[in-house]
Amino acid sequence: MTAQIMTRPRPTAAGPDDDASRRLGQHLLDVVRRQDAAIPADRRVPRTVAEMRARLEAAGAAQDDVCPMCERWRCRCGEQSAAVARAAGGTVTT
């Protein structure tokens, strides 16, 4: 049985299933593009590397580096130390 499965020739002519798959793919692509166009520009998420780089450069984050202590782009070290001080009953001065 395995030999029959492996030696079966592939269909060469484009049948109705191929056309239906192509039309479904085109329909889904159209739906996604319409939905993407309906999203406001300030709420749209970058999907390509070029869009991500442009967004980082516009925000000025391209020149910043990761915090060496918390390894985050937006450092939360100050927020965490303030939370620990409050939990310990201390005062926080900024």
PDB file of N, CA and C in Angstrom:
ATOM      1  N   MET A   1       0.819  -1.190   0.000  1.00  0.00           N
ATOM      2  CA  MET A   1       0.000   0.000   0.000  1.00  0.00           C
ATOM      3  C   MET A   1       0.868   1.261   0.000  1.00  0.00           C
ATOM      4  N   THR A   2       1.948   1.258   0.785  1.00  0.00           N
ATOM      5  CA  THR A   2       2.828   2.419   0.822  1.00  0.00           C
ATOM      6  C   THR A   2       3.445   2.671  -0.540  1.00  0.00           C
ATOM      7  N   ALA A   3       3.779   1.607  -1.254  1.00  0.00           N
ATOM      8  CA  ALA A   3       4.362   1.771  -2.588  1.00  0.00           C
ATOM      9  C   ALA A   3       3.363   2.425  -3.529  1.00  0.00           C
ATOM     10  N   GLN A   4       2.093   2.126  -3.381  1.00  0.00           N
ATOM     11  CA  GLN A   4       1.083   2.742  -4.231  1.00  0.00           C
ATOM     12  C   GLN A   4       0.955   4.231  -3.953  1.00  0.00           C
ATOM     13  N   ILE A   5       1.025   4.596  -2.688  1.00  0.00           N
ATOM     14  CA  ILE A   5       0.905   6.001  -2.313  1.00  0.00           C
ATOM     15  C   ILE A   5       2.096   6.795  -2.835  1.00  0.00           C
ATOM     16  N   MET A   6       3.272   6.233  -2.721  1.00  0.00           N
ATOM     17  CA  MET A   6       4.472   6.955  -3.099  1.00  0.00           C
ATOM     18  C   MET A   6       4.681   7.007  -4.606  1.00  0.00           C
ATOM     19  N   THR A   7       4.106   6.073  -5.353  1.00  0.00           N
ATOM     20  CA  THR A   7       4.329   6.055  -6.794  1.00  0.00           C
ATOM     21  C   THR A   7       3.177   6.656  -7.580  1.00  0.00           C
ATOM     22  N   ARG A   8       2.177   7.155  -6.885  1.00  0.00           N
ATOM     23  CA  ARG A   8       1.039   7.744  -7.574  1.00  0.00           C
ATOM     24  C   ARG A   8       1.480   9.037  -8.259  1.00  0.00           C
ATOM     25  N   PRO A   9       1.160   9.219  -9.545  1.00  0.00           N
ATOM     26  CA  PRO A   9       1.581  10.438 -10.240  1.00  0.00           C
ATOM     27  C   PRO A   9       0.795  11.651  -9.757  1.00  0.00           C
ATOM     28  N   ARG A  10       1.456  12.784  -9.813  1.00  0.00           N
ATOM     29  CA  ARG A  10       0.791  14.034  -9.443  1.00  0.00           C
ATOM     30  C   ARG A  10      -0.087  14.499 -10.590  1.00  0.00           C
ATOM     31  N   PRO A  11      -1.216  15.092 -10.276  1.00  0.00           N
ATOM     32  CA  PRO A  11      -2.044  15.610 -11.365  1.00  0.00           C
ATOM     33  C   PRO A  11      -1.345  16.797 -12.027  1.00  0.00           C
ATOM     34  N   THR A  12      -1.366  16.828 -13.348  1.00  0.00           N
ATOM     35  CA  THR A  12      -0.672  17.895 -14.080  1.00  0.00           C
ATOM     36  C   THR A  12      -1.606  19.017 -14.495  1.00  0.00           C
ATOM     37  N   ALA A  13      -2.843  18.697 -14.758  1.00  0.00           N
ATOM     38  CA  ALA A  13      -3.782  19.731 -15.195  1.00  0.00           C
ATOM     39  C   ALA A  13      -4.406  20.409 -13.981  1.00  0.00           C
ATOM     40  N   ALA A  14      -4.645  21.700 -14.101  1.00  0.00           N
ATOM     41  CA  ALA A  14      -5.287  22.447 -13.023  1.00  0.00           C
ATOM     42  C   ALA A  14      -6.768  22.099 -13.019  1.00  0.00           C
ATOM     43  N   GLY A  15      -7.202  21.515 -11.940  1.00  0.00           N
ATOM     44  CA  GLY A  15      -8.595  21.092 -11.839  1.00  0.00           C
ATOM     45  C   GLY A  15      -9.437  22.139 -11.150  1.00  0.00           C
ATOM     46  N   PRO A  16     -10.686  21.820 -10.894  1.00  0.00           N
ATOM     47  CA  PRO A  16     -11.581  22.773 -10.237  1.00  0.00           C
ATOM     48  C   PRO A  16     -11.151  23.103  -8.807  1.00  0.00           C
ATOM     49  N   ASP A  17     -10.453  22.145  -8.148  1.00  0.00           N
ATOM     50  CA  ASP A  17      -9.994  22.416  -6.780  1.00  0.00           C
ATOM     51  C   ASP A  17      -8.934  23.509  -6.769  1.00  0.00           C
ATOM     52  N   ASP A  18      -8.062  23.510  -7.774  1.00  0.00           N
ATOM     53  CA  ASP A  18      -7.018  24.534  -7.851  1.00  0.00           C
ATOM     54  C   ASP A  18      -7.625  25.915  -8.047  1.00  0.00           C
ATOM     55  N   ASP A  19      -8.625  25.992  -8.896  1.00  0.00           N
ATOM     56  CA  ASP A  19      -9.282  27.276  -9.151  1.00  0.00           C
ATOM     57  C   ASP A  19     -10.024  27.754  -7.902  1.00  0.00           C
ATOM     58  N   ALA A  20     -10.680  26.823  -7.214  1.00  0.00           N
ATOM     59  CA  ALA A  20     -11.402  27.186  -5.991  1.00  0.00           C
ATOM     60  C   ALA A  20     -10.423  27.650  -4.910  1.00  0.00           C
ATOM     61  N   SER A  21      -9.290  26.985  -4.795  1.00  0.00           N
ATOM     62  CA  SER A  21      -8.282  27.383  -3.809  1.00  0.00           C
ATOM     63  C   SER A  21      -7.720  28.756  -4.132  1.00  0.00           C
ATOM     64  N   ARG A  22      -7.474  29.012  -5.422  1.00  0.00           N
ATOM     65  CA  ARG A  22      -6.949  30.308  -5.822  1.00  0.00           C
ATOM     66  C   ARG A  22      -7.958  31.418  -5.531  1.00  0.00           C
ATOM     67  N   ARG A  23      -9.237  31.161  -5.836  1.00  0.00           N
ATOM     68  CA  ARG A  23     -10.269  32.165  -5.578  1.00  0.00           C
ATOM     69  C   ARG A  23     -10.449  32.403  -4.078  1.00  0.00           C
ATOM     70  N   LEU A  24     -10.379  31.325  -3.272  1.00  0.00           N
ATOM     71  CA  LEU A  24     -10.487  31.489  -1.821  1.00  0.00           C
ATOM     72  C   LEU A  24      -9.315  32.308  -1.296  1.00  0.00           C
ATOM     73  N   GLY A  25      -8.111  32.002  -1.766  1.00  0.00           N
ATOM     74  CA  GLY A  25      -6.936  32.757  -1.336  1.00  0.00           C
ATOM     75  C   GLY A  25      -7.046  34.228  -1.694  1.00  0.00           C
ATOM     76  N   GLN A  26      -7.539  34.523  -2.894  1.00  0.00           N
ATOM     77  CA  GLN A  26      -7.713  35.913  -3.321  1.00  0.00           C
ATOM     78  C   GLN A  26      -8.766  36.610  -2.475  1.00  0.00           C
ATOM     79  N   HIS A  27      -9.862  35.897  -2.176  1.00  0.00           N
ATOM     80  CA  HIS A  27     -10.921  36.475  -1.343  1.00  0.00           C
ATOM     81  C   HIS A  27     -10.393  36.802   0.055  1.00  0.00           C
ATOM     82  N   LEU A  28      -9.659  35.876   0.656  1.00  0.00           N
ATOM     83  CA  LEU A  28      -9.117  36.108   2.004  1.00  0.00           C
ATOM     84  C   LEU A  28      -8.130  37.273   2.005  1.00  0.00           C
ATOM     85  N   LEU A  29      -7.313  37.367   0.967  1.00  0.00           N
ATOM     86  CA  LEU A  29      -6.373  38.480   0.867  1.00  0.00           C
ATOM     87  C   LEU A  29      -7.120  39.809   0.764  1.00  0.00           C
ATOM     88  N   ASP A  30      -8.194  39.841  -0.019  1.00  0.00           N
ATOM     89  CA  ASP A  30      -9.006  41.057  -0.138  1.00  0.00           C
ATOM     90  C   ASP A  30      -9.636  41.438   1.197  1.00  0.00           C
ATOM     91  N   VAL A  31     -10.138  40.449   1.932  1.00  0.00           N
ATOM     92  CA  VAL A  31     -10.765  40.713   3.232  1.00  0.00           C
ATOM     93  C   VAL A  31      -9.737  41.277   4.206  1.00  0.00           C
ATOM     94  N   VAL A  32      -8.550  40.686   4.251  1.00  0.00           N
ATOM     95  CA  VAL A  32      -7.506  41.159   5.163  1.00  0.00           C
ATOM     96  C   VAL A  32      -7.089  42.580   4.811  1.00  0.00           C
ATOM     97  N   ARG A  33      -6.940  42.869   3.535  1.00  0.00           N
ATOM     98  CA  ARG A  33      -6.540  44.225   3.129  1.00  0.00           C
ATOM     99  C   ARG A  33      -7.610  45.252   3.482  1.00  0.00           C
ATOM    100  N   ARG A  34      -8.891  44.889   3.326  1.00  0.00           N
ATOM    101  CA  ARG A  34      -9.970  45.817   3.705  1.00  0.00           C
ATOM    102  C   ARG A  34      -9.982  46.060   5.210  1.00  0.00           C
ATOM    103  N   GLN A  35      -9.786  44.990   5.986  1.00  0.00           N
ATOM    104  CA  GLN A  35      -9.755  45.137   7.436  1.00  0.00           C
ATOM    105  C   GLN A  35      -8.559  45.974   7.875  1.00  0.00           C
ATOM    106  N   ASP A  36      -7.405  45.764   7.248  1.00  0.00           N
ATOM    107  CA  ASP A  36      -6.217  46.559   7.574  1.00  0.00           C
ATOM    108  C   ASP A  36      -6.438  48.032   7.255  1.00  0.00           C
ATOM    109  N   ALA A  37      -7.110  48.303   6.147  1.00  0.00           N
ATOM    110  CA  ALA A  37      -7.363  49.691   5.765  1.00  0.00           C
ATOM    111  C   ALA A  37      -8.320  50.365   6.737  1.00  0.00           C
ATOM    112  N   ALA A  38      -9.147  49.593   7.422  1.00  0.00           N
ATOM    113  CA  ALA A  38     -10.112  50.164   8.357  1.00  0.00           C
ATOM    114  C   ALA A  38      -9.483  50.513   9.704  1.00  0.00           C
ATOM    115  N   ILE A  39      -8.278  50.022   9.970  1.00  0.00           N
ATOM    116  CA  ILE A  39      -7.602  50.297  11.242  1.00  0.00           C
ATOM    117  C   ILE A  39      -6.984  51.690  11.174  1.00  0.00           C
ATOM    118  N   PRO A  40      -7.223  52.546  12.186  1.00  0.00           N
ATOM    119  CA  PRO A  40      -6.598  53.875  12.183  1.00  0.00           C
ATOM    120  C   PRO A  40      -5.067  53.758  12.188  1.00  0.00           C
ATOM    121  N   ALA A  41      -4.400  54.677  11.542  1.00  0.00           N
ATOM    122  CA  ALA A  41      -2.941  54.613  11.375  1.00  0.00           C
ATOM    123  C   ALA A  41      -2.206  54.567  12.718  1.00  0.00           C
ATOM    124  N   ASP A  42      -2.712  55.280  13.718  1.00  0.00           N
ATOM    125  CA  ASP A  42      -2.019  55.282  15.012  1.00  0.00           C
ATOM    126  C   ASP A  42      -2.225  53.984  15.792  1.00  0.00           C
ATOM    127  N   ARG A  43      -3.171  53.157  15.388  1.00  0.00           N
ATOM    128  CA  ARG A  43      -3.426  51.873  16.051  1.00  0.00           C
ATOM    129  C   ARG A  43      -2.862  50.696  15.274  1.00  0.00           C
ATOM    130  N   ARG A  44      -2.342  50.927  14.079  1.00  0.00           N
ATOM    131  CA  ARG A  44      -1.855  49.853  13.219  1.00  0.00           C
ATOM    132  C   ARG A  44      -0.513  49.347  13.722  1.00  0.00           C
ATOM    133  N   VAL A  45      -0.341  48.044  13.754  1.00  0.00           N
ATOM    134  CA  VAL A  45       0.891  47.420  14.221  1.00  0.00           C
ATOM    135  C   VAL A  45       1.825  47.223  13.031  1.00  0.00           C
ATOM    136  N   PRO A  46       3.120  47.554  13.178  1.00  0.00           N
ATOM    137  CA  PRO A  46       4.041  47.326  12.072  1.00  0.00           C
ATOM    138  C   PRO A  46       4.239  45.827  11.841  1.00  0.00           C
ATOM    139  N   ARG A  47       4.258  45.416  10.581  1.00  0.00           N
ATOM    140  CA  ARG A  47       4.372  43.993  10.273  1.00  0.00           C
ATOM    141  C   ARG A  47       5.691  43.626   9.624  1.00  0.00           C
ATOM    142  N   THR A  48       6.344  44.568   9.009  1.00  0.00           N
ATOM    143  CA  THR A  48       7.608  44.267   8.342  1.00  0.00           C
ATOM    144  C   THR A  48       8.746  44.930   9.112  1.00  0.00           C
ATOM    145  N   VAL A  49       9.952  44.467   8.851  1.00  0.00           N
ATOM    146  CA  VAL A  49      11.124  45.033   9.522  1.00  0.00           C
ATOM    147  C   VAL A  49      11.265  46.510   9.180  1.00  0.00           C
ATOM    148  N   ALA A  50      10.991  46.873   7.935  1.00  0.00           N
ATOM    149  CA  ALA A  50      11.109  48.272   7.528  1.00  0.00           C
ATOM    150  C   ALA A  50      10.117  49.141   8.303  1.00  0.00           C
ATOM    151  N   GLU A  51       8.887  48.653   8.488  1.00  0.00           N
ATOM    152  CA  GLU A  51       7.899  49.414   9.259  1.00  0.00           C
ATOM    153  C   GLU A  51       8.322  49.538  10.715  1.00  0.00           C
ATOM    154  N   MET A  52       8.894  48.467  11.283  1.00  0.00           N
ATOM    155  CA  MET A  52       9.340  48.500  12.680  1.00  0.00           C
ATOM    156  C   MET A  52      10.488  49.484  12.867  1.00  0.00           C
ATOM    157  N   ARG A  53      11.454  49.462  11.949  1.00  0.00           N
ATOM    158  CA  ARG A  53      12.586  50.389  12.048  1.00  0.00           C
ATOM    159  C   ARG A  53      12.126  51.836  11.924  1.00  0.00           C
ATOM    160  N   ALA A  54      11.217  52.088  10.984  1.00  0.00           N
ATOM    161  CA  ALA A  54      10.705  53.444  10.804  1.00  0.00           C
ATOM    162  C   ALA A  54       9.980  53.913  12.058  1.00  0.00           C
ATOM    163  N   ARG A  55       9.244  53.035  12.683  1.00  0.00           N
ATOM    164  CA  ARG A  55       8.515  53.398  13.900  1.00  0.00           C
ATOM    165  C   ARG A  55       9.478  53.678  15.049  1.00  0.00           C
ATOM    166  N   LEU A  56      10.542  52.874  15.159  1.00  0.00           N
ATOM    167  CA  LEU A  56      11.531  53.105  16.208  1.00  0.00           C
ATOM    168  C   LEU A  56      12.278  54.415  15.992  1.00  0.00           C
ATOM    169  N   GLU A  57      12.633  54.696  14.758  1.00  0.00           N
ATOM    170  CA  GLU A  57      13.340  55.949  14.473  1.00  0.00           C
ATOM    171  C   GLU A  57      12.453  57.156  14.729  1.00  0.00           C
ATOM    172  N   ALA A  58      11.179  57.039  14.422  1.00  0.00           N
ATOM    173  CA  ALA A  58      10.258  58.149  14.670  1.00  0.00           C
ATOM    174  C   ALA A  58      10.077  58.385  16.164  1.00  0.00           C
ATOM    175  N   ALA A  59      10.135  57.322  16.950  1.00  0.00           N
ATOM    176  CA  ALA A  59       9.973  57.450  18.394  1.00  0.00           C
ATOM    177  C   ALA A  59      11.284  57.828  19.078  1.00  0.00           C
ATOM    178  N   GLY A  60      12.402  57.756  18.353  1.00  0.00           N
ATOM    179  CA  GLY A  60      13.686  58.103  18.948  1.00  0.00           C
ATOM    180  C   GLY A  60      14.299  56.958  19.726  1.00  0.00           C
ATOM    181  N   ALA A  61      13.717  55.790  19.657  1.00  0.00           N
ATOM    182  CA  ALA A  61      14.224  54.651  20.416  1.00  0.00           C
ATOM    183  C   ALA A  61      15.390  53.967  19.717  1.00  0.00           C
ATOM    184  N   ALA A  62      15.650  54.312  18.471  1.00  0.00           N
ATOM    185  CA  ALA A  62      16.732  53.666  17.747  1.00  0.00           C
ATOM    186  C   ALA A  62      18.086  54.029  18.351  1.00  0.00           C
ATOM    187  N   GLN A  63      18.208  55.218  18.974  1.00  0.00           N
ATOM    188  CA  GLN A  63      19.474  55.605  19.568  1.00  0.00           C
ATOM    189  C   GLN A  63      19.632  55.067  20.986  1.00  0.00           C
ATOM    190  N   ASP A  64      18.545  54.737  21.621  1.00  0.00           N
ATOM    191  CA  ASP A  64      18.614  54.206  22.980  1.00  0.00           C
ATOM    192  C   ASP A  64      19.087  52.763  22.940  1.00  0.00           C
ATOM    193  N   ASP A  65      19.502  52.288  24.098  1.00  0.00           N
ATOM    194  CA  ASP A  65      19.928  50.902  24.198  1.00  0.00           C
ATOM    195  C   ASP A  65      19.152  50.237  25.325  1.00  0.00           C
ATOM    196  N   VAL A  66      19.281  48.973  25.425  1.00  0.00           N
ATOM    197  CA  VAL A  66      18.586  48.215  26.456  1.00  0.00           C
ATOM    198  C   VAL A  66      19.216  48.532  27.803  1.00  0.00           C
ATOM    199  N   CYS A  67      18.375  48.632  28.828  1.00  0.00           N
ATOM    200  CA  CYS A  67      18.871  48.869  30.185  1.00  0.00           C
ATOM    201  C   CYS A  67      19.719  47.667  30.609  1.00  0.00           C
ATOM    202  N   PRO A  68      20.932  47.885  31.118  1.00  0.00           N
ATOM    203  CA  PRO A  68      21.778  46.751  31.497  1.00  0.00           C
ATOM    204  C   PRO A  68      21.277  46.002  32.730  1.00  0.00           C
ATOM    205  N   MET A  69      20.417  46.647  33.529  1.00  0.00           N
ATOM    206  CA  MET A  69      19.947  45.978  34.743  1.00  0.00           C
ATOM    207  C   MET A  69      18.698  45.126  34.489  1.00  0.00           C
ATOM    208  N   CYS A  70      17.696  45.719  33.851  1.00  0.00           N
ATOM    209  CA  CYS A  70      16.439  44.981  33.652  1.00  0.00           C
ATOM    210  C   CYS A  70      16.298  44.428  32.237  1.00  0.00           C
ATOM    211  N   GLU A  71      17.226  44.796  31.336  1.00  0.00           N
ATOM    212  CA  GLU A  71      17.238  44.334  29.958  1.00  0.00           C
ATOM    213  C   GLU A  71      15.927  44.616  29.232  1.00  0.00           C
ATOM    214  N   ARG A  72      15.361  45.776  29.473  1.00  0.00           N
ATOM    215  CA  ARG A  72      14.139  46.214  28.794  1.00  0.00           C
ATOM    216  C   ARG A  72      14.449  47.488  28.023  1.00  0.00           C
ATOM    217  N   TRP A  73      13.696  47.691  26.940  1.00  0.00           N
ATOM    218  CA  TRP A  73      13.873  48.923  26.169  1.00  0.00           C
ATOM    219  C   TRP A  73      13.369  50.116  26.964  1.00  0.00           C
ATOM    220  N   ARG A  74      12.261  49.935  27.637  1.00  0.00           N
ATOM    221  CA  ARG A  74      11.749  50.981  28.525  1.00  0.00           C
ATOM    222  C   ARG A  74      12.074  50.551  29.949  1.00  0.00           C
ATOM    223  N   CYS A  75      13.078  51.167  30.504  1.00  0.00           N
ATOM    224  CA  CYS A  75      13.590  50.761  31.813  1.00  0.00           C
ATOM    225  C   CYS A  75      12.516  50.907  32.885  1.00  0.00           C
ATOM    226  N   ARG A  76      12.384  49.867  33.667  1.00  0.00           N
ATOM    227  CA  ARG A  76      11.432  49.875  34.778  1.00  0.00           C
ATOM    228  C   ARG A  76      12.146  49.745  36.124  1.00  0.00           C
ATOM    229  N   CYS A  77      13.441  49.914  36.107  1.00  0.00           N
ATOM    230  CA  CYS A  77      14.206  49.772  37.346  1.00  0.00           C
ATOM    231  C   CYS A  77      13.732  50.768  38.400  1.00  0.00           C
ATOM    232  N   GLY A  78      13.491  52.017  38.010  1.00  0.00           N
ATOM    233  CA  GLY A  78      13.026  53.030  38.948  1.00  0.00           C
ATOM    234  C   GLY A  78      11.655  52.702  39.499  1.00  0.00           C
ATOM    235  N   GLU A  79      10.769  52.196  38.660  1.00  0.00           N
ATOM    236  CA  GLU A  79       9.430  51.828  39.105  1.00  0.00           C
ATOM    237  C   GLU A  79       9.498  50.670  40.088  1.00  0.00           C
ATOM    238  N   GLN A  80      10.350  49.682  39.829  1.00  0.00           N
ATOM    239  CA  GLN A  80      10.446  48.517  40.690  1.00  0.00           C
ATOM    240  C   GLN A  80      11.060  48.874  42.038  1.00  0.00           C
ATOM    241  N   SER A  81      12.094  49.710  42.040  1.00  0.00           N
ATOM    242  CA  SER A  81      12.711  50.067  43.316  1.00  0.00           C
ATOM    243  C   SER A  81      11.752  50.904  44.162  1.00  0.00           C
ATOM    244  N   ALA A  82      10.922  51.734  43.499  1.00  0.00           N
ATOM    245  CA  ALA A  82       9.937  52.511  44.246  1.00  0.00           C
ATOM    246  C   ALA A  82       8.876  51.604  44.834  1.00  0.00           C
ATOM    247  N   ALA A  83       8.465  50.584  44.097  1.00  0.00           N
ATOM    248  CA  ALA A  83       7.457  49.649  44.599  1.00  0.00           C
ATOM    249  C   ALA A  83       8.000  48.850  45.780  1.00  0.00           C
ATOM    250  N   VAL A  84       9.278  48.455  45.722  1.00  0.00           N
ATOM    251  CA  VAL A  84       9.885  47.711  46.827  1.00  0.00           C
ATOM    252  C   VAL A  84       9.976  48.600  48.059  1.00  0.00           C
ATOM    253  N   ALA A  85      10.356  49.856  47.874  1.00  0.00           N
ATOM    254  CA  ALA A  85      10.456  50.778  49.003  1.00  0.00           C
ATOM    255  C   ALA A  85       9.088  51.005  49.644  1.00  0.00           C
ATOM    256  N   ARG A  86       8.048  51.161  48.838  1.00  0.00           N
ATOM    257  CA  ARG A  86       6.696  51.341  49.393  1.00  0.00           C
ATOM    258  C   ARG A  86       6.251  50.112  50.156  1.00  0.00           C
ATOM    259  N   ALA A  87       6.551  48.933  49.602  1.00  0.00           N
ATOM    260  CA  ALA A  87       6.144  47.682  50.257  1.00  0.00           C
ATOM    261  C   ALA A  87       6.867  47.503  51.596  1.00  0.00           C
ATOM    262  N   ALA A  88       8.085  48.024  51.662  1.00  0.00           N
ATOM    263  CA  ALA A  88       8.857  47.904  52.903  1.00  0.00           C
ATOM    264  C   ALA A  88       8.484  48.987  53.913  1.00  0.00           C
ATOM    265  N   GLY A  89       7.611  49.881  53.510  1.00  0.00           N
ATOM    266  CA  GLY A  89       7.186  50.937  54.420  1.00  0.00           C
ATOM    267  C   GLY A  89       8.052  52.169  54.362  1.00  0.00           C
ATOM    268  N   GLY A  90       8.949  52.227  53.428  1.00  0.00           N
ATOM    269  CA  GLY A  90       9.830  53.384  53.282  1.00  0.00           C
ATOM    270  C   GLY A  90       9.184  54.477  52.458  1.00  0.00           C
ATOM    271  N   THR A  91       9.900  55.569  52.359  1.00  0.00           N
ATOM    272  CA  THR A  91       9.426  56.676  51.535  1.00  0.00           C
ATOM    273  C   THR A  91      10.207  56.717  50.244  1.00  0.00           C
ATOM    274  N   VAL A  92       9.565  57.209  49.220  1.00  0.00           N
ATOM    275  CA  VAL A  92      10.188  57.285  47.918  1.00  0.00           C
ATOM    276  C   VAL A  92      10.365  58.741  47.550  1.00  0.00           C
ATOM    277  N   THR A  93      11.602  59.094  47.219  1.00  0.00           N
ATOM    278  CA  THR A  93      11.868  60.463  46.765  1.00  0.00           C
ATOM    279  C   THR A  93      12.331  60.399  45.338  1.00  0.00           C
ATOM    280  N   THR A  94      11.799  61.260  44.532  1.00  0.00           N
ATOM    281  CA  THR A  94      12.221  61.274  43.137  1.00  0.00           C
ATOM    282  C   THR A  94      12.774  62.609  42.755  1.00  0.00           C
TER     283      THR A  94
END
